[in-house]
Amino acid sequence: MPERRPFVRLPTDVTPVNYGLCLKPDLIDFTFEGKLEAVVEVTQSTNQIVMNCADIDIITASFCPLGAEEINATGFNYQNEDEKVTLSFPSALQKGSGTLKIDFVGELNDKMKGFYRSKYTTAAGEVRYAAVTQFEATDARRAFPCWDEPAIKATFDISLIVPKDRVTLSNMRHLDLSRNPIEWCPWCLVHPVLLKPPCG
């Protein structure tokens, strides 16, 4: 029987303060695009950021220190077995606040994990799909790169870009239903498992 790998927590040299997250599901191709702008605190100088990430492809990533120039990530090292990604930067990120920006894509999977698709039939008999979320216990990392550990909490500002003929639901109140992307009131200090922004 293979030996179990020991669980290793995420480093604490960079931690989230607020996630600004926008998701755009494609209910035809069963994919989604995402943009993350996370306000983070660098507590110790480092040239890498380690986050949870599973079944997500990062397109671009950068870090913008408060009051300084943006630094583009030079590499993404996926540790698939550990469901982590390491973002590498050409120079050390100094202590203080900054914004981590990540553009990414993923699949609206059929595994009932993360951001996934669910089939339903309308009253008229039409088969449709909805994009729904299931983030317990550690499946938020399948919807967006994040610090997906219960002890690491942050606030959330979430928006969805969806077709006008679709309904969006959340466990927070909508700010403005007439706009697209649709935004909700900010989530308080929570772990990602408590987020519920589906559409369908």
C-alpha atoms as a PDB file:
ATOM      1  CA  MET A   1       0.000   0.000   0.000  1.00  0.00           C
ATOM      2  CA  PRO A   2       1.460   3.407  -0.977  1.00  0.00           C
ATOM      3  CA  GLU A   3       2.514   5.679   1.854  1.00  0.00           C
ATOM      4  CA  ARG A   4       0.210   8.657   2.468  1.00  0.00           C
ATOM      5  CA  ARG A   5       1.750  12.035   1.901  1.00  0.00           C
ATOM      6  CA  PRO A   6       1.680  14.282   4.976  1.00  0.00           C
ATOM      7  CA  PHE A   7      -0.687  17.262   4.862  1.00  0.00           C
ATOM      8  CA  VAL A   8       1.179  20.572   4.599  1.00  0.00           C
ATOM      9  CA  ARG A   9      -0.596  23.860   5.261  1.00  0.00           C
ATOM     10  CA  LEU A  10      -0.190  26.831   2.944  1.00  0.00           C
ATOM     11  CA  PRO A  11       2.637  29.254   3.763  1.00  0.00           C
ATOM     12  CA  THR A  12       1.550  32.325   5.724  1.00  0.00           C
ATOM     13  CA  ASP A  13       3.924  34.822   4.104  1.00  0.00           C
ATOM     14  CA  VAL A  14       1.069  36.059   1.857  1.00  0.00           C
ATOM     15  CA  THR A  15      -2.548  36.022   3.097  1.00  0.00           C
ATOM     16  CA  PRO A  16      -5.820  37.339   1.623  1.00  0.00           C
ATOM     17  CA  VAL A  17      -7.713  40.325   2.998  1.00  0.00           C
ATOM     18  CA  ASN A  18     -10.414  40.666   0.312  1.00  0.00           C
ATOM     19  CA  TYR A  19     -11.244  38.638  -2.793  1.00  0.00           C
ATOM     20  CA  GLY A  20     -12.640  40.588  -5.754  1.00  0.00           C
ATOM     21  CA  LEU A  21     -13.954  37.775  -7.947  1.00  0.00           C
ATOM     22  CA  CYS A  22     -15.788  37.861 -11.287  1.00  0.00           C
ATOM     23  CA  LEU A  23     -16.950  34.627 -12.952  1.00  0.00           C
ATOM     24  CA  LYS A  24     -18.399  34.235 -16.462  1.00  0.00           C
ATOM     25  CA  PRO A  25     -19.917  30.776 -17.034  1.00  0.00           C
ATOM     26  CA  ASP A  26     -20.498  29.417 -20.561  1.00  0.00           C
ATOM     27  CA  LEU A  27     -23.499  27.086 -20.340  1.00  0.00           C
ATOM     28  CA  ILE A  28     -22.999  25.808 -23.902  1.00  0.00           C
ATOM     29  CA  ASP A  29     -19.328  24.788 -23.836  1.00  0.00           C
ATOM     30  CA  PHE A  30     -19.388  24.076 -20.054  1.00  0.00           C
ATOM     31  CA  THR A  31     -16.410  26.302 -19.299  1.00  0.00           C
ATOM     32  CA  PHE A  32     -15.947  29.479 -17.331  1.00  0.00           C
ATOM     33  CA  GLU A  33     -13.631  32.476 -17.279  1.00  0.00           C
ATOM     34  CA  GLY A  34     -12.599  34.169 -14.086  1.00  0.00           C
ATOM     35  CA  LYS A  35     -10.857  37.304 -12.899  1.00  0.00           C
ATOM     36  CA  LEU A  36      -9.502  37.544  -9.388  1.00  0.00           C
ATOM     37  CA  GLU A  37      -8.261  40.761  -7.812  1.00  0.00           C
ATOM     38  CA  ALA A  38      -7.351  39.880  -4.243  1.00  0.00           C
ATOM     39  CA  VAL A  39      -6.083  42.407  -1.748  1.00  0.00           C
ATOM     40  CA  VAL A  40      -3.370  40.544   0.129  1.00  0.00           C
ATOM     41  CA  GLU A  41      -0.933  41.192   2.945  1.00  0.00           C
ATOM     42  CA  VAL A  42       2.686  40.176   2.435  1.00  0.00           C
ATOM     43  CA  THR A  43       3.943  39.420   5.949  1.00  0.00           C
ATOM     44  CA  GLN A  44       7.383  38.218   4.912  1.00  0.00           C
ATOM     45  CA  SER A  45       9.396  39.073   1.804  1.00  0.00           C
ATOM     46  CA  THR A  46       9.035  36.315  -0.817  1.00  0.00           C
ATOM     47  CA  ASN A  47       9.325  35.786  -4.572  1.00  0.00           C
ATOM     48  CA  GLN A  48       6.455  33.295  -4.726  1.00  0.00           C
ATOM     49  CA  ILE A  49       2.821  32.950  -3.708  1.00  0.00           C
ATOM     50  CA  VAL A  50       1.417  29.504  -2.920  1.00  0.00           C
ATOM     51  CA  MET A  51      -2.364  29.018  -3.173  1.00  0.00           C
ATOM     52  CA  ASN A  52      -4.853  26.204  -3.523  1.00  0.00           C
ATOM     53  CA  CYS A  53      -5.865  25.495  -7.117  1.00  0.00           C
ATOM     54  CA  ALA A  54      -7.434  22.411  -8.710  1.00  0.00           C
ATOM     55  CA  ASP A  55      -8.702  21.929 -12.272  1.00  0.00           C
ATOM     56  CA  ILE A  56      -8.034  25.619 -13.032  1.00  0.00           C
ATOM     57  CA  ASP A  57      -5.731  26.979 -15.750  1.00  0.00           C
ATOM     58  CA  ILE A  58      -4.121  30.316 -14.937  1.00  0.00           C
ATOM     59  CA  ILE A  59      -3.688  32.563 -17.967  1.00  0.00           C
ATOM     60  CA  THR A  60      -1.916  35.544 -16.371  1.00  0.00           C
ATOM     61  CA  ALA A  61      -0.956  36.605 -12.861  1.00  0.00           C
ATOM     62  CA  SER A  62       0.597  39.743 -11.424  1.00  0.00           C
ATOM     63  CA  PHE A  63       1.159  41.469  -8.113  1.00  0.00           C
ATOM     64  CA  CYS A  64       0.749  45.211  -7.634  1.00  0.00           C
ATOM     65  CA  PRO A  65       2.269  46.493  -4.376  1.00  0.00           C
ATOM     66  CA  LEU A  66       0.435  49.459  -2.854  1.00  0.00           C
ATOM     67  CA  GLY A  67       1.892  52.580  -4.503  1.00  0.00           C
ATOM     68  CA  ALA A  68       4.391  50.687  -6.672  1.00  0.00           C
ATOM     69  CA  GLU A  69       4.648  49.139 -10.137  1.00  0.00           C
ATOM     70  CA  GLU A  70       2.926  45.899 -11.097  1.00  0.00           C
ATOM     71  CA  ILE A  71       5.120  42.769 -11.183  1.00  0.00           C
ATOM     72  CA  ASN A  72       4.143  40.029 -13.650  1.00  0.00           C
ATOM     73  CA  ALA A  73       4.456  36.426 -12.545  1.00  0.00           C
ATOM     74  CA  THR A  74       7.088  34.535 -14.530  1.00  0.00           C
ATOM     75  CA  GLY A  75       5.747  31.047 -13.935  1.00  0.00           C
ATOM     76  CA  PHE A  76       2.977  28.873 -12.532  1.00  0.00           C
ATOM     77  CA  ASN A  77       4.006  25.570 -10.967  1.00  0.00           C
ATOM     78  CA  TYR A  78       0.993  23.304 -10.435  1.00  0.00           C
ATOM     79  CA  GLN A  79       1.264  20.669  -7.700  1.00  0.00           C
ATOM     80  CA  ASN A  80      -1.773  18.675  -8.844  1.00  0.00           C
ATOM     81  CA  GLU A  81      -1.566  15.998  -6.167  1.00  0.00           C
ATOM     82  CA  ASP A  82      -1.555  18.655  -3.429  1.00  0.00           C
ATOM     83  CA  GLU A  83      -4.101  20.856  -5.269  1.00  0.00           C
ATOM     84  CA  LYS A  84      -1.772  23.848  -5.091  1.00  0.00           C
ATOM     85  CA  VAL A  85      -0.143  26.301  -7.449  1.00  0.00           C
ATOM     86  CA  THR A  86       3.004  28.338  -6.882  1.00  0.00           C
ATOM     87  CA  LEU A  87       3.181  31.706  -8.643  1.00  0.00           C
ATOM     88  CA  SER A  88       6.801  32.767  -9.197  1.00  0.00           C
ATOM     89  CA  PHE A  89       7.909  36.400  -9.488  1.00  0.00           C
ATOM     90  CA  PRO A  90      11.195  37.803 -10.859  1.00  0.00           C
ATOM     91  CA  SER A  91      11.885  39.771  -7.684  1.00  0.00           C
ATOM     92  CA  ALA A  92      10.911  39.573  -4.046  1.00  0.00           C
ATOM     93  CA  LEU A  93       7.517  40.909  -3.005  1.00  0.00           C
ATOM     94  CA  GLN A  94       8.176  43.230  -0.084  1.00  0.00           C
ATOM     95  CA  LYS A  95       6.214  43.332   3.176  1.00  0.00           C
ATOM     96  CA  GLY A  96       2.973  45.293   2.989  1.00  0.00           C
ATOM     97  CA  SER A  97      -0.338  45.383   1.145  1.00  0.00           C
ATOM     98  CA  GLY A  98      -0.874  44.762  -2.534  1.00  0.00           C
ATOM     99  CA  THR A  99      -3.261  43.351  -5.113  1.00  0.00           C
ATOM    100  CA  LEU A 100      -2.847  39.911  -6.630  1.00  0.00           C
ATOM    101  CA  LYS A 101      -4.456  39.765 -10.100  1.00  0.00           C
ATOM    102  CA  ILE A 102      -5.175  36.427 -11.787  1.00  0.00           C
ATOM    103  CA  ASP A 103      -7.022  35.649 -15.030  1.00  0.00           C
ATOM    104  CA  PHE A 104      -8.010  32.002 -15.269  1.00  0.00           C
ATOM    105  CA  VAL A 105     -10.297  29.481 -16.977  1.00  0.00           C
ATOM    106  CA  GLY A 106     -11.933  26.286 -15.833  1.00  0.00           C
ATOM    107  CA  GLU A 107     -14.461  23.617 -16.714  1.00  0.00           C
ATOM    108  CA  LEU A 108     -18.047  23.571 -15.477  1.00  0.00           C
ATOM    109  CA  ASN A 109     -17.527  19.964 -14.483  1.00  0.00           C
ATOM    110  CA  ASP A 110     -20.097  17.228 -13.896  1.00  0.00           C
ATOM    111  CA  LYS A 111     -18.532  16.084 -10.599  1.00  0.00           C
ATOM    112  CA  MET A 112     -20.650  18.229  -8.238  1.00  0.00           C
ATOM    113  CA  LYS A 113     -17.481  19.964  -7.020  1.00  0.00           C
ATOM    114  CA  GLY A 114     -16.410  23.594  -7.225  1.00  0.00           C
ATOM    115  CA  PHE A 115     -18.194  25.480 -10.032  1.00  0.00           C
ATOM    116  CA  TYR A 116     -20.133  22.800 -11.905  1.00  0.00           C
ATOM    117  CA  ARG A 117     -23.062  22.200 -14.248  1.00  0.00           C
ATOM    118  CA  SER A 118     -26.434  20.797 -13.270  1.00  0.00           C
ATOM    119  CA  LYS A 119     -29.089  19.655 -15.755  1.00  0.00           C
ATOM    120  CA  TYR A 120     -32.771  20.513 -15.305  1.00  0.00           C
ATOM    121  CA  THR A 121     -35.971  20.560 -17.351  1.00  0.00           C
ATOM    122  CA  THR A 122     -38.150  23.667 -17.667  1.00  0.00           C
ATOM    123  CA  ALA A 123     -41.949  23.588 -17.313  1.00  0.00           C
ATOM    124  CA  ALA A 124     -42.098  23.625 -21.144  1.00  0.00           C
ATOM    125  CA  GLY A 125     -39.985  20.455 -21.307  1.00  0.00           C
ATOM    126  CA  GLU A 126     -36.763  22.145 -22.453  1.00  0.00           C
ATOM    127  CA  VAL A 127     -33.540  20.651 -21.075  1.00  0.00           C
ATOM    128  CA  ARG A 128     -31.253  23.343 -19.677  1.00  0.00           C
ATOM    129  CA  TYR A 129     -28.112  23.605 -17.593  1.00  0.00           C
ATOM    130  CA  ALA A 130     -27.312  25.733 -14.594  1.00  0.00           C
ATOM    131  CA  ALA A 131     -23.903  26.669 -13.208  1.00  0.00           C
ATOM    132  CA  VAL A 132     -23.891  25.983  -9.472  1.00  0.00           C
ATOM    133  CA  THR A 133     -21.336  25.881  -6.681  1.00  0.00           C
ATOM    134  CA  GLN A 134     -20.306  23.357  -4.063  1.00  0.00           C
ATOM    135  CA  PHE A 135     -17.343  24.597  -2.063  1.00  0.00           C
ATOM    136  CA  GLU A 136     -17.422  22.273   0.967  1.00  0.00           C
ATOM    137  CA  ALA A 137     -15.071  21.205   2.363  1.00  0.00           C
ATOM    138  CA  THR A 138     -12.181  22.121   0.069  1.00  0.00           C
ATOM    139  CA  ASP A 139     -13.741  22.583  -3.357  1.00  0.00           C
ATOM    140  CA  ALA A 140     -13.624  26.387  -3.685  1.00  0.00           C
ATOM    141  CA  ARG A 141     -10.166  25.806  -5.209  1.00  0.00           C
ATOM    142  CA  ARG A 142     -11.946  24.225  -8.218  1.00  0.00           C
ATOM    143  CA  ALA A 143     -13.720  27.515  -8.951  1.00  0.00           C
ATOM    144  CA  PHE A 144     -10.906  30.019  -8.389  1.00  0.00           C
ATOM    145  CA  PRO A 145      -7.337  30.064  -7.043  1.00  0.00           C
ATOM    146  CA  CYS A 146      -7.601  30.801  -3.317  1.00  0.00           C
ATOM    147  CA  TRP A 147      -6.390  30.113   0.191  1.00  0.00           C
ATOM    148  CA  ASP A 148      -8.824  27.246   0.773  1.00  0.00           C
ATOM    149  CA  GLU A 149      -8.116  26.464   4.421  1.00  0.00           C
ATOM    150  CA  PRO A 150     -10.662  27.108   7.216  1.00  0.00           C
ATOM    151  CA  ALA A 151      -8.260  29.203   9.305  1.00  0.00           C
ATOM    152  CA  ILE A 152      -7.618  31.652   6.429  1.00  0.00           C
ATOM    153  CA  LYS A 153     -10.581  34.024   6.193  1.00  0.00           C
ATOM    154  CA  ALA A 154     -11.221  37.124   4.085  1.00  0.00           C
ATOM    155  CA  THR A 155     -14.059  39.278   2.786  1.00  0.00           C
ATOM    156  CA  PHE A 156     -15.503  38.716  -0.704  1.00  0.00           C
ATOM    157  CA  ASP A 157     -16.895  40.920  -3.468  1.00  0.00           C
ATOM    158  CA  ILE A 158     -18.365  38.628  -6.124  1.00  0.00           C
ATOM    159  CA  SER A 159     -19.945  39.297  -9.496  1.00  0.00           C
ATOM    160  CA  LEU A 160     -21.237  37.066 -12.293  1.00  0.00           C
ATOM    161  CA  ILE A 161     -21.529  37.791 -16.004  1.00  0.00           C
ATOM    162  CA  VAL A 162     -24.542  35.807 -17.237  1.00  0.00           C
ATOM    163  CA  PRO A 163     -27.054  35.844 -20.109  1.00  0.00           C
ATOM    164  CA  LYS A 164     -30.017  38.143 -19.429  1.00  0.00           C
ATOM    165  CA  ASP A 165     -32.480  35.227 -19.645  1.00  0.00           C
ATOM    166  CA  ARG A 166     -30.861  33.446 -16.686  1.00  0.00           C
ATOM    167  CA  VAL A 167     -31.559  33.824 -12.977  1.00  0.00           C
ATOM    168  CA  THR A 168     -28.768  34.336 -10.455  1.00  0.00           C
ATOM    169  CA  LEU A 169     -29.107  33.357  -6.809  1.00  0.00           C
ATOM    170  CA  SER A 170     -26.845  33.889  -3.846  1.00  0.00           C
ATOM    171  CA  ASN A 171     -26.786  33.721  -0.092  1.00  0.00           C
ATOM    172  CA  MET A 172     -26.216  37.502  -0.152  1.00  0.00           C
ATOM    173  CA  ARG A 173     -28.467  40.288  -1.441  1.00  0.00           C
ATOM    174  CA  HIS A 174     -28.013  41.573  -5.038  1.00  0.00           C
ATOM    175  CA  LEU A 175     -26.643  45.106  -5.309  1.00  0.00           C
ATOM    176  CA  ASP A 176     -28.064  45.815  -8.769  1.00  0.00           C
ATOM    177  CA  LEU A 177     -29.905  43.296 -10.964  1.00  0.00           C
ATOM    178  CA  SER A 178     -30.054  45.676 -13.945  1.00  0.00           C
ATOM    179  CA  ARG A 179     -26.294  45.545 -14.496  1.00  0.00           C
ATOM    180  CA  ASN A 180     -24.196  42.773 -15.974  1.00  0.00           C
ATOM    181  CA  PRO A 181     -22.028  41.675 -14.234  1.00  0.00           C
ATOM    182  CA  ILE A 182     -24.484  41.121 -11.414  1.00  0.00           C
ATOM    183  CA  GLU A 183     -22.953  41.996  -8.064  1.00  0.00           C
ATOM    184  CA  TRP A 184     -23.895  41.059  -4.517  1.00  0.00           C
ATOM    185  CA  CYS A 185     -23.397  42.797  -1.192  1.00  0.00           C
ATOM    186  CA  PRO A 186     -19.948  42.058   0.175  1.00  0.00           C
ATOM    187  CA  TRP A 187     -19.573  38.819   2.078  1.00  0.00           C
ATOM    188  CA  CYS A 188     -18.243  39.306   5.582  1.00  0.00           C
ATOM    189  CA  LEU A 189     -15.052  37.684   6.847  1.00  0.00           C
ATOM    190  CA  VAL A 190     -15.481  34.050   5.782  1.00  0.00           C
ATOM    191  CA  HIS A 191     -13.727  30.980   4.467  1.00  0.00           C
ATOM    192  CA  PRO A 192     -14.570  30.316   0.764  1.00  0.00           C
ATOM    193  CA  VAL A 193     -16.778  27.332   1.706  1.00  0.00           C
ATOM    194  CA  LEU A 194     -19.622  29.722   2.682  1.00  0.00           C
ATOM    195  CA  LEU A 195     -19.939  31.328  -0.782  1.00  0.00           C
ATOM    196  CA  LYS A 196     -22.938  30.409  -2.967  1.00  0.00           C
ATOM    197  CA  PRO A 197     -23.056  32.352  -6.289  1.00  0.00           C
ATOM    198  CA  PRO A 198     -24.871  30.076  -8.820  1.00  0.00           C
ATOM    199  CA  CYS A 199     -26.811  30.928 -11.983  1.00  0.00           C
ATOM    200  CA  GLY A 200     -29.145  29.012 -14.252  1.00  0.00           C
END
